[in-house]
C-alpha atoms as a PDB file:
ATOM      1  CA  MET A   1     106.928  84.797 103.975  1.00  0.00           C
ATOM      2  CA  ILE A   2     110.058  87.141 104.021  1.00  0.00           C
ATOM      3  CA  TYR A   3     110.283  89.774 101.300  1.00  0.00           C
ATOM      4  CA  SER A   4     113.706  91.155 100.104  1.00  0.00           C
ATOM      5  CA  TYR A   5     113.044  94.420  98.481  1.00  0.00           C
ATOM      6  CA  LYS A   6     110.524  96.898  99.797  1.00  0.00           C
ATOM      7  CA  LEU A   7     109.492 100.087  98.174  1.00  0.00           C
ATOM      8  CA  ASN A   8     107.398 102.722  99.911  1.00  0.00           C
ATOM      9  CA  LYS A   9     105.560 106.113  98.346  1.00  0.00           C
ATOM     10  CA  VAL A  10     103.260 108.909  99.276  1.00  0.00           C
ATOM     11  CA  LEU A  11     101.045 110.851  96.447  1.00  0.00           C
ATOM     12  CA  THR A  12      99.155 113.853  97.596  1.00  0.00           C
ATOM     13  CA  CYS A  13      95.700 113.040  96.417  1.00  0.00           C
ATOM     14  CA  SER A  14      93.635 116.781  95.808  1.00  0.00           C
ATOM     15  CA  ASN A  15      90.146 115.190  97.222  1.00  0.00           C
ATOM     16  CA  GLU A  16      88.287 111.759  98.517  1.00  0.00           C
ATOM     17  CA  LYS A  17      86.444 111.119  95.457  1.00  0.00           C
ATOM     18  CA  VAL A  18      90.330 110.712  93.788  1.00  0.00           C
ATOM     19  CA  TYR A  19      91.296 108.378  96.266  1.00  0.00           C
ATOM     20  CA  ASN A  20      88.268 106.279  96.050  1.00  0.00           C
ATOM     21  CA  LYS A  21      88.189 106.551  92.625  1.00  0.00           C
ATOM     22  CA  PHE A  22      92.126 105.111  92.525  1.00  0.00           C
ATOM     23  CA  ILE A  23      91.374 102.241  94.793  1.00  0.00           C
ATOM     24  CA  ASN A  24      87.935 101.195  92.849  1.00  0.00           C
ATOM     25  CA  TRP A  25      90.561 100.773  89.814  1.00  0.00           C
ATOM     26  CA  VAL A  26      93.293  99.205  91.295  1.00  0.00           C
ATOM     27  CA  ARG A  27      90.722  96.652  92.999  1.00  0.00           C
ATOM     28  CA  GLY A  28      89.276  96.221  88.975  1.00  0.00           C
ATOM     29  CA  GLU A  29      92.790  96.296  88.184  1.00  0.00           C
ATOM     30  CA  PHE A  30      94.094  93.348  90.178  1.00  0.00           C
ATOM     31  CA  ASP A  31      90.699  91.437  90.564  1.00  0.00           C
ATOM     32  CA  LEU A  32      92.141  88.234  89.837  1.00  0.00           C
ATOM     33  CA  TYR A  33      94.545  88.256  92.828  1.00  0.00           C
ATOM     34  CA  LEU A  34      94.029  87.729  96.549  1.00  0.00           C
ATOM     35  CA  ILE A  35      92.754  90.957  98.108  1.00  0.00           C
ATOM     36  CA  SER A  36      91.717  91.869 101.569  1.00  0.00           C
ATOM     37  CA  GLU A  37      90.228  94.907 102.754  1.00  0.00           C
ATOM     38  CA  SER A  38      90.019  96.774 105.892  1.00  0.00           C
ATOM     39  CA  THR A  39      91.323 100.081 106.877  1.00  0.00           C
ATOM     40  CA  LYS A  40      93.588  99.623 103.688  1.00  0.00           C
ATOM     41  CA  LEU A  41      93.715  97.632 100.492  1.00  0.00           C
ATOM     42  CA  ASP A  42      95.992  94.850 100.493  1.00  0.00           C
ATOM     43  CA  VAL A  43      96.961  92.865  97.102  1.00  0.00           C
ATOM     44  CA  TYR A  44      98.636  89.920  97.061  1.00  0.00           C
ATOM     45  CA  PHE A  45     100.434  88.168  93.807  1.00  0.00           C
ATOM     46  CA  PRO A  46     102.769  85.759  93.254  1.00  0.00           C
ATOM     47  CA  ASN A  47     106.074  86.747  94.687  1.00  0.00           C
ATOM     48  CA  GLY A  48     105.018  89.670  96.691  1.00  0.00           C
ATOM     49  CA  MET A  49     102.355  91.988  97.759  1.00  0.00           C
ATOM     50  CA  PHE A  50     101.222  95.499  97.856  1.00  0.00           C
ATOM     51  CA  SER A  51      99.053  97.844 100.123  1.00  0.00           C
ATOM     52  CA  ILE A  52      97.313 101.069  99.671  1.00  0.00           C
ATOM     53  CA  GLY A  53      96.003 103.549 102.500  1.00  0.00           C
ATOM     54  CA  LYS A  54      95.239 106.725 103.397  1.00  0.00           C
ATOM     55  CA  ILE A  55      97.753 108.523 105.787  1.00  0.00           C
ATOM     56  CA  PRO A  56      95.733 110.471 108.403  1.00  0.00           C
ATOM     57  CA  ASP A  57      96.097 114.055 107.704  1.00  0.00           C
ATOM     58  CA  LYS A  58      94.816 117.644 106.802  1.00  0.00           C
ATOM     59  CA  ASN A  59      95.068 116.945 103.122  1.00  0.00           C
ATOM     60  CA  ILE A  60      94.619 113.258 101.473  1.00  0.00           C
ATOM     61  CA  ASN A  61      97.750 111.587 101.066  1.00  0.00           C
ATOM     62  CA  ILE A  62      97.910 107.968  99.683  1.00  0.00           C
ATOM     63  CA  GLU A  63     100.581 105.640 101.033  1.00  0.00           C
ATOM     64  CA  ILE A  64     101.796 102.839  98.782  1.00  0.00           C
ATOM     65  CA  ASN A  65     104.133  99.595 100.038  1.00  0.00           C
ATOM     66  CA  ILE A  66     105.115  97.245  98.038  1.00  0.00           C
ATOM     67  CA  LYS A  67     107.030  94.228  99.044  1.00  0.00           C
ATOM     68  CA  SER A  68     108.557  91.453  96.682  1.00  0.00           C
ATOM     69  CA  SER A  69     111.312  88.804  96.608  1.00  0.00           C
ATOM     70  CA  SER A  70     112.604  90.532  93.341  1.00  0.00           C
ATOM     71  CA  GLU A  71     113.356  94.257  93.031  1.00  0.00           C
ATOM     72  CA  SER A  72     112.136  94.428  89.399  1.00  0.00           C
ATOM     73  CA  THR A  73     108.867  93.121  90.478  1.00  0.00           C
ATOM     74  CA  CYS A  74     108.840  95.833  93.035  1.00  0.00           C
ATOM     75  CA  ASN A  75     109.779  98.649  90.695  1.00  0.00           C
ATOM     76  CA  ASN A  76     107.178  97.446  88.312  1.00  0.00           C
ATOM     77  CA  MET A  77     104.284  97.401  90.431  1.00  0.00           C
ATOM     78  CA  MET A  78     105.109 100.784  91.474  1.00  0.00           C
ATOM     79  CA  ASN A  79     105.270 101.982  88.088  1.00  0.00           C
ATOM     80  CA  GLN A  80     101.870 100.460  87.120  1.00  0.00           C
ATOM     81  CA  LEU A  81     100.177 101.924  90.543  1.00  0.00           C
ATOM     82  CA  GLN A  82     101.267 105.230  89.426  1.00  0.00           C
ATOM     83  CA  SER A  83     100.140 105.102  85.824  1.00  0.00           C
ATOM     84  CA  ILE A  84      96.678 104.325  87.252  1.00  0.00           C
ATOM     85  CA  TYR A  85      97.069 107.142  90.039  1.00  0.00           C
ATOM     86  CA  ASN A  86      97.854 109.312  87.079  1.00  0.00           C
ATOM     87  CA  HIS A  87      94.910 108.027  84.876  1.00  0.00           C
ATOM     88  CA  VAL A  88      92.485 108.700  87.857  1.00  0.00           C
ATOM     89  CA  VAL A  89      93.651 112.068  88.476  1.00  0.00           C
ATOM     90  CA  VAL A  90      93.298 113.183  84.379  1.00  0.00           C
ATOM     91  CA  PHE A  91      90.170 111.317  84.117  1.00  0.00           C
ATOM     92  CA  MET A  92      88.717 113.298  87.207  1.00  0.00           C
ATOM     93  CA  LYS A  93      89.859 116.693  85.774  1.00  0.00           C
ATOM     94  CA  GLN A  94      88.389 115.795  82.460  1.00  0.00           C
ATOM     95  CA  LYS A  95      84.821 114.656  84.342  1.00  0.00           C
ATOM     96  CA  LYS A  96      84.775 118.063  85.968  1.00  0.00           C
ATOM     97  CA  LEU A  97      84.737 119.946  82.609  1.00  0.00           C
END
């Protein structure tokens, strides 16, 4: 399928545990959709898809790519994924206390 809209974002992650927790929470949030996992997490939703993967670097950077036939769907999905990431970061900080 050809998607008209695309969004990309790179998040800087503090450590591998935060990345793994983020992937786990995203899997749980979107468990009703088709999910494919290889070197990255691919989730296919009704009018698009997104992928989340690590960028090889000294730091752990998370790359999020969203493709959809609707601009508002791309923006909503990015906001949802950003919200999940923010929750994970707060959760992991509180867990260390």
